[in-house]
């Protein structure tokens, strides 16, 4: 993924509140994450990837995703960021697969990576996250 020519919003990076917006040719998107009143730190992560490369945009679309780090568990914020980073990189690299296949494989890779990090490093033992993703490609959502 050519990140120099791609709009990437990735938050909240430790902040209790994260806001970002982006406007494309046919969609206006907002990302908002708030720690809420129960927790002290925000373990959620969100990402928006909008390729400026016309061919990549036409083949892969715009990726939106949110990962909710397991509150109160070890390294939830790390798990959520790791999952979204791997999701985006893997999804945009799998250009030889259909959108649903690439998205499914990207989610599986993110899951495997979080699990492996949790199993192989005592600092991350027990960490976890949820992950929800949406790709908008033309008039279709996946």
C-alpha atoms as a PDB file:
ATOM      1  CA  UNK A   1       0.000   0.000   0.000  1.00  0.00           C
ATOM      2  CA  UNK A   2       1.453   3.344  -1.026  1.00  0.00           C
ATOM      3  CA  UNK A   3       0.858   5.291   2.186  1.00  0.00           C
ATOM      4  CA  UNK A   4       2.351   8.477   0.785  1.00  0.00           C
ATOM      5  CA  UNK A   5      -0.490   8.707  -1.739  1.00  0.00           C
ATOM      6  CA  UNK A   6      -3.203   7.215   0.436  1.00  0.00           C
ATOM      7  CA  UNK A   7      -5.351   8.866   3.076  1.00  0.00           C
ATOM      8  CA  UNK A   8      -4.963   6.919   6.304  1.00  0.00           C
ATOM      9  CA  UNK A   9      -6.692   7.968   9.522  1.00  0.00           C
ATOM     10  CA  UNK A  10      -5.593   5.752  12.412  1.00  0.00           C
ATOM     11  CA  UNK A  11      -6.617   6.568  15.945  1.00  0.00           C
ATOM     12  CA  UNK A  12      -6.803   7.142  18.837  1.00  0.00           C
ATOM     13  CA  UNK A  13      -3.125   6.378  19.716  1.00  0.00           C
ATOM     14  CA  UNK A  14      -3.568   6.595  23.460  1.00  0.00           C
ATOM     15  CA  UNK A  15      -5.734   9.701  23.520  1.00  0.00           C
ATOM     16  CA  UNK A  16      -9.061   9.506  25.364  1.00  0.00           C
ATOM     17  CA  UNK A  17     -10.857  11.137  22.424  1.00  0.00           C
ATOM     18  CA  UNK A  18     -10.155  10.797  18.711  1.00  0.00           C
ATOM     19  CA  UNK A  19     -11.913  12.563  15.846  1.00  0.00           C
ATOM     20  CA  UNK A  20     -11.112  12.549  12.158  1.00  0.00           C
ATOM     21  CA  UNK A  21     -13.023  13.243   8.973  1.00  0.00           C
ATOM     22  CA  UNK A  22     -12.409  12.671   5.301  1.00  0.00           C
ATOM     23  CA  UNK A  23     -14.297  13.551   2.141  1.00  0.00           C
ATOM     24  CA  UNK A  24     -13.892  11.600  -1.088  1.00  0.00           C
ATOM     25  CA  UNK A  25     -15.594  11.828  -4.462  1.00  0.00           C
ATOM     26  CA  UNK A  26     -18.786  10.122  -3.310  1.00  0.00           C
ATOM     27  CA  UNK A  27     -18.523   9.643   0.441  1.00  0.00           C
ATOM     28  CA  UNK A  28     -17.916  11.713   3.539  1.00  0.00           C
ATOM     29  CA  UNK A  29     -16.630   9.765   6.547  1.00  0.00           C
ATOM     30  CA  UNK A  30     -16.138  10.501  10.213  1.00  0.00           C
ATOM     31  CA  UNK A  31     -14.167   8.541  12.775  1.00  0.00           C
ATOM     32  CA  UNK A  32     -14.897   9.143  16.435  1.00  0.00           C
ATOM     33  CA  UNK A  33     -13.660   7.238  19.466  1.00  0.00           C
ATOM     34  CA  UNK A  34     -14.269   8.232  23.081  1.00  0.00           C
ATOM     35  CA  UNK A  35     -12.950   6.437  26.165  1.00  0.00           C
ATOM     36  CA  UNK A  36     -16.263   6.962  27.938  1.00  0.00           C
ATOM     37  CA  UNK A  37     -16.779   7.332  31.669  1.00  0.00           C
ATOM     38  CA  UNK A  38     -15.837   3.863  32.909  1.00  0.00           C
ATOM     39  CA  UNK A  39     -12.208   3.461  31.769  1.00  0.00           C
ATOM     40  CA  UNK A  40      -9.155   5.677  32.115  1.00  0.00           C
ATOM     41  CA  UNK A  41      -7.526   4.817  28.795  1.00  0.00           C
ATOM     42  CA  UNK A  42      -8.939   4.213  25.364  1.00  0.00           C
ATOM     43  CA  UNK A  43      -8.140   0.692  24.140  1.00  0.00           C
ATOM     44  CA  UNK A  44     -10.112   1.061  20.914  1.00  0.00           C
ATOM     45  CA  UNK A  45      -8.589   1.751  17.521  1.00  0.00           C
ATOM     46  CA  UNK A  46     -10.187   2.842  14.274  1.00  0.00           C
ATOM     47  CA  UNK A  47      -8.871   3.165  10.757  1.00  0.00           C
ATOM     48  CA  UNK A  48      -9.936   4.622   7.429  1.00  0.00           C
ATOM     49  CA  UNK A  49      -7.860   3.846   4.343  1.00  0.00           C
ATOM     50  CA  UNK A  50      -8.742   5.668   1.126  1.00  0.00           C
ATOM     51  CA  UNK A  51      -6.283   5.000  -1.711  1.00  0.00           C
ATOM     52  CA  UNK A  52      -5.572   7.975  -3.929  1.00  0.00           C
ATOM     53  CA  UNK A  53      -4.281   5.593  -6.605  1.00  0.00           C
ATOM     54  CA  UNK A  54      -7.264   5.303  -8.947  1.00  0.00           C
ATOM     55  CA  UNK A  55      -6.546   1.696  -9.933  1.00  0.00           C
ATOM     56  CA  UNK A  56      -6.180   0.531  -6.330  1.00  0.00           C
ATOM     57  CA  UNK A  57      -9.298   2.441  -5.313  1.00  0.00           C
ATOM     58  CA  UNK A  58     -11.254   0.826  -8.183  1.00  0.00           C
ATOM     59  CA  UNK A  59     -10.053  -2.682  -7.258  1.00  0.00           C
ATOM     60  CA  UNK A  60     -10.075  -2.473  -3.461  1.00  0.00           C
ATOM     61  CA  UNK A  61     -12.245   0.471  -2.410  1.00  0.00           C
ATOM     62  CA  UNK A  62     -12.182   2.293   0.910  1.00  0.00           C
ATOM     63  CA  UNK A  63     -11.551   0.336   4.100  1.00  0.00           C
ATOM     64  CA  UNK A  64     -13.162   1.262   7.408  1.00  0.00           C
ATOM     65  CA  UNK A  65     -12.513  -0.759  10.556  1.00  0.00           C
ATOM     66  CA  UNK A  66     -12.775  -0.580  14.312  1.00  0.00           C
ATOM     67  CA  UNK A  67     -11.111  -2.818  16.881  1.00  0.00           C
ATOM     68  CA  UNK A  68     -12.213  -2.775  20.492  1.00  0.00           C
ATOM     69  CA  UNK A  69      -9.335  -3.804  22.744  1.00  0.00           C
ATOM     70  CA  UNK A  70     -10.492  -5.960  25.618  1.00  0.00           C
ATOM     71  CA  UNK A  71     -11.058  -3.476  28.432  1.00  0.00           C
ATOM     72  CA  UNK A  72      -9.245  -4.313  31.608  1.00  0.00           C
ATOM     73  CA  UNK A  73      -7.188  -7.047  29.946  1.00  0.00           C
ATOM     74  CA  UNK A  74      -3.487  -6.807  29.257  1.00  0.00           C
ATOM     75  CA  UNK A  75      -2.460  -4.694  26.251  1.00  0.00           C
ATOM     76  CA  UNK A  76      -5.920  -4.197  24.739  1.00  0.00           C
ATOM     77  CA  UNK A  77      -4.754  -1.002  23.037  1.00  0.00           C
ATOM     78  CA  UNK A  78      -1.793  -2.832  21.474  1.00  0.00           C
ATOM     79  CA  UNK A  79      -4.011  -5.691  20.285  1.00  0.00           C
ATOM     80  CA  UNK A  80      -6.495  -3.322  18.621  1.00  0.00           C
ATOM     81  CA  UNK A  81      -3.775  -1.348  16.798  1.00  0.00           C
ATOM     82  CA  UNK A  82      -1.918  -4.489  15.729  1.00  0.00           C
ATOM     83  CA  UNK A  83      -5.108  -6.009  14.348  1.00  0.00           C
ATOM     84  CA  UNK A  84      -6.026  -2.928  12.302  1.00  0.00           C
ATOM     85  CA  UNK A  85      -2.522  -2.378  10.993  1.00  0.00           C
ATOM     86  CA  UNK A  86      -2.288  -5.958   9.741  1.00  0.00           C
ATOM     87  CA  UNK A  87      -5.826  -5.862   8.396  1.00  0.00           C
ATOM     88  CA  UNK A  88      -5.083  -2.838   6.203  1.00  0.00           C
ATOM     89  CA  UNK A  89      -1.671  -3.944   4.964  1.00  0.00           C
ATOM     90  CA  UNK A  90      -2.864  -7.475   4.186  1.00  0.00           C
ATOM     91  CA  UNK A  91      -6.144  -6.420   2.556  1.00  0.00           C
ATOM     92  CA  UNK A  92      -4.509  -3.997   0.118  1.00  0.00           C
ATOM     93  CA  UNK A  93      -1.716  -6.470  -0.694  1.00  0.00           C
ATOM     94  CA  UNK A  94      -4.112  -9.245  -1.771  1.00  0.00           C
ATOM     95  CA  UNK A  95      -4.983  -7.726  -5.143  1.00  0.00           C
ATOM     96  CA  UNK A  96      -5.271 -11.124  -6.845  1.00  0.00           C
ATOM     97  CA  UNK A  97      -8.314 -12.105  -4.740  1.00  0.00           C
ATOM     98  CA  UNK A  98     -11.912 -10.925  -4.712  1.00  0.00           C
ATOM     99  CA  UNK A  99     -12.850  -8.255  -2.159  1.00  0.00           C
ATOM    100  CA  UNK A 100     -14.652 -10.725   0.157  1.00  0.00           C
ATOM    101  CA  UNK A 101     -11.790 -13.240  -0.060  1.00  0.00           C
ATOM    102  CA  UNK A 102      -9.144 -10.582   0.608  1.00  0.00           C
ATOM    103  CA  UNK A 103     -11.119  -9.140   3.505  1.00  0.00           C
ATOM    104  CA  UNK A 104     -11.650 -12.584   5.029  1.00  0.00           C
ATOM    105  CA  UNK A 105      -7.954 -13.455   4.716  1.00  0.00           C
ATOM    106  CA  UNK A 106      -6.900 -10.079   6.124  1.00  0.00           C
ATOM    107  CA  UNK A 107      -9.131 -10.560   9.180  1.00  0.00           C
ATOM    108  CA  UNK A 108      -7.761 -14.097   9.646  1.00  0.00           C
ATOM    109  CA  UNK A 109      -4.167 -12.818   9.474  1.00  0.00           C
ATOM    110  CA  UNK A 110      -4.907 -10.069  11.986  1.00  0.00           C
ATOM    111  CA  UNK A 111      -6.464 -12.640  14.316  1.00  0.00           C
ATOM    112  CA  UNK A 112      -3.509 -15.007  13.980  1.00  0.00           C
ATOM    113  CA  UNK A 113      -1.036 -12.201  14.659  1.00  0.00           C
ATOM    114  CA  UNK A 114      -2.796 -11.007  17.808  1.00  0.00           C
ATOM    115  CA  UNK A 115      -3.078 -14.591  19.052  1.00  0.00           C
ATOM    116  CA  UNK A 116       0.583 -15.335  18.253  1.00  0.00           C
ATOM    117  CA  UNK A 117       1.767 -12.161  20.021  1.00  0.00           C
ATOM    118  CA  UNK A 118      -0.367 -13.081  23.028  1.00  0.00           C
ATOM    119  CA  UNK A 119       1.053 -16.612  23.174  1.00  0.00           C
ATOM    120  CA  UNK A 120       4.691 -15.789  22.466  1.00  0.00           C
ATOM    121  CA  UNK A 121       5.284 -12.727  24.648  1.00  0.00           C
ATOM    122  CA  UNK A 122       4.459 -12.795  28.381  1.00  0.00           C
ATOM    123  CA  UNK A 123       3.915  -9.020  28.323  1.00  0.00           C
ATOM    124  CA  UNK A 124       0.951  -9.549  25.982  1.00  0.00           C
ATOM    125  CA  UNK A 125      -0.382 -12.771  27.522  1.00  0.00           C
ATOM    126  CA  UNK A 126      -4.172 -12.760  27.426  1.00  0.00           C
ATOM    127  CA  UNK A 127      -4.561  -9.691  25.216  1.00  0.00           C
ATOM    128  CA  UNK A 128      -7.390  -9.577  22.735  1.00  0.00           C
ATOM    129  CA  UNK A 129      -9.603  -7.394  20.607  1.00  0.00           C
ATOM    130  CA  UNK A 130     -12.738  -7.456  18.535  1.00  0.00           C
ATOM    131  CA  UNK A 131     -12.595  -6.365  14.912  1.00  0.00           C
ATOM    132  CA  UNK A 132     -15.288  -5.071  12.571  1.00  0.00           C
ATOM    133  CA  UNK A 133     -14.479  -4.030   9.021  1.00  0.00           C
ATOM    134  CA  UNK A 134     -16.320  -2.559   6.066  1.00  0.00           C
ATOM    135  CA  UNK A 135     -15.128  -2.028   2.519  1.00  0.00           C
ATOM    136  CA  UNK A 136     -17.022   0.388   0.281  1.00  0.00           C
ATOM    137  CA  UNK A 137     -16.350  -0.316  -3.374  1.00  0.00           C
ATOM    138  CA  UNK A 138     -18.501   1.684  -5.761  1.00  0.00           C
ATOM    139  CA  UNK A 139     -22.134   1.087  -4.762  1.00  0.00           C
ATOM    140  CA  UNK A 140     -21.349  -2.034  -2.735  1.00  0.00           C
ATOM    141  CA  UNK A 141     -20.436  -2.667   0.885  1.00  0.00           C
ATOM    142  CA  UNK A 142     -18.553  -5.760   2.037  1.00  0.00           C
END
